[in-house]
Amino acid sequence: GLVSGEAEDRTLGVWVRFQLQVNDGIVRAARFAAFGCPHTIAAADYAAERLEGASVTELRALDVRAIQRELGVPVEKLGKLLRIEDALAACGRALPRP
């Protein structure tokens, strides 16, 4: 089914929403909408690309800190990127447990 999750932090000026199409425990499609700095947009896009074809277990284990390191996002932007993790965690909670 289709699940959505979002997170924001107005003090940081960031908002992220993901919509995932999940069938048979696999993320078939991952889409996002985001408001924030270019690092936030790039990290959300990177996460969405990595999630397509991934299992629900991989979704729940996604590490935004690893994405931060891979993309070379400055440490001071980590708080913004953690909203991506929060939005994806909300998607994971919306999925039925096996």
Protein backbone atom coordinates (compact mmCIF):
# COMPACT_ATOMS: atom_id res chain seq x y z
CA GLY A 1 0.00 0.00 0.00
CA LEU A 2 0.83 3.65 0.00
CA VAL A 3 2.23 5.16 3.20
CA SER A 4 3.21 8.71 4.02
CA GLY A 5 5.36 10.26 6.70
CA GLU A 6 6.49 13.78 7.35
CA ALA A 7 8.57 15.78 9.78
CA GLU A 8 9.49 19.40 10.26
CA ASP A 9 11.46 21.75 12.41
CA ARG A 10 10.37 25.32 11.98
CA THR A 11 13.35 26.62 13.95
CA LEU A 12 15.65 25.05 11.34
CA GLY A 13 13.41 25.94 8.39
CA VAL A 14 13.00 22.36 7.22
CA TRP A 15 10.01 20.20 6.26
CA VAL A 16 10.09 16.78 4.57
CA ARG A 17 7.35 14.39 3.43
CA PHE A 18 7.88 10.95 1.91
CA GLN A 19 5.32 8.77 0.17
CA LEU A 20 6.26 5.15 -0.33
CA GLN A 21 4.53 2.47 -2.37
CA VAL A 22 5.24 -0.82 -0.61
CA ASN A 23 4.19 -4.23 -1.90
CA ASP A 24 5.27 -7.61 -0.56
CA GLY A 25 7.74 -5.99 1.84
CA ILE A 26 9.58 -4.08 -0.92
CA VAL A 27 9.56 -0.34 -1.54
CA ARG A 28 8.41 -0.15 -5.16
CA ALA A 29 8.39 3.65 -5.40
CA ALA A 30 9.64 6.46 -3.16
CA ARG A 31 8.67 10.09 -3.66
CA PHE A 32 9.36 13.12 -1.51
CA ALA A 33 8.56 16.78 -1.12
CA ALA A 34 10.88 18.96 0.91
CA PHE A 35 11.49 22.52 1.97
CA GLY A 36 14.93 23.40 3.23
CA CYS A 37 18.50 24.03 2.23
CA PRO A 38 20.10 22.39 -0.83
CA HIS A 39 21.75 19.79 1.44
CA THR A 40 18.33 18.73 2.76
CA ILE A 41 16.90 18.42 -0.75
CA ALA A 42 19.92 16.44 -1.97
CA ALA A 43 19.82 14.07 1.01
CA ALA A 44 16.07 13.48 0.64
CA ASP A 45 16.54 12.73 -3.06
CA TYR A 46 19.43 10.39 -2.28
CA ALA A 47 17.34 8.58 0.35
CA ALA A 48 14.40 8.19 -2.05
CA GLU A 49 16.67 6.77 -4.76
CA ARG A 50 18.27 4.29 -2.33
CA LEU A 51 14.91 3.14 -1.01
CA GLU A 52 13.40 2.11 -4.34
CA GLY A 53 13.78 -1.66 -4.49
CA ALA A 54 14.81 -1.87 -0.84
CA SER A 55 13.11 -4.05 1.73
CA VAL A 56 11.04 -2.69 4.60
CA THR A 57 13.85 -3.83 6.90
CA GLU A 58 16.28 -1.62 4.96
CA LEU A 59 13.82 1.27 5.21
CA ARG A 60 13.71 0.96 8.97
CA ALA A 61 17.53 0.75 9.14
CA LEU A 62 18.29 3.73 6.88
CA ASP A 63 21.04 5.82 8.49
CA VAL A 64 20.91 9.51 7.65
CA ARG A 65 24.34 9.99 9.20
CA ALA A 66 25.78 7.67 6.56
CA ILE A 67 24.04 9.72 3.86
CA GLN A 68 25.46 12.88 5.42
CA ARG A 69 28.97 11.43 5.19
CA GLU A 70 28.49 10.09 1.65
CA LEU A 71 27.22 13.44 0.36
CA GLY A 72 29.75 15.46 2.33
CA VAL A 73 27.07 17.46 4.13
CA PRO A 74 28.56 19.66 6.86
CA VAL A 75 28.00 18.39 10.40
CA GLU A 76 26.15 21.58 11.32
CA LYS A 77 23.40 20.56 8.85
CA LEU A 78 22.80 17.19 10.54
CA GLY A 79 19.81 18.51 12.50
CA LYS A 80 18.04 19.25 9.22
CA LEU A 81 18.88 15.83 7.80
CA LEU A 82 17.51 14.13 10.89
CA ARG A 83 14.05 15.31 9.81
CA ILE A 84 14.47 12.97 6.82
CA GLU A 85 15.04 10.13 9.24
CA ASP A 86 11.96 11.20 11.23
CA ALA A 87 9.76 11.30 8.12
CA LEU A 88 10.93 7.86 7.00
CA ALA A 89 10.41 6.49 10.51
CA ALA A 90 6.82 7.74 10.30
CA CYS A 91 6.44 5.81 7.03
CA GLY A 92 7.84 2.72 8.72
CA ARG A 93 5.38 3.04 11.62
CA ALA A 94 2.51 3.29 9.12
CA LEU A 95 3.42 -0.08 7.62
CA PRO A 96 1.96 -3.25 9.09
CA ARG A 97 4.43 -5.38 11.01
CA PRO A 98 5.14 -8.82 9.51
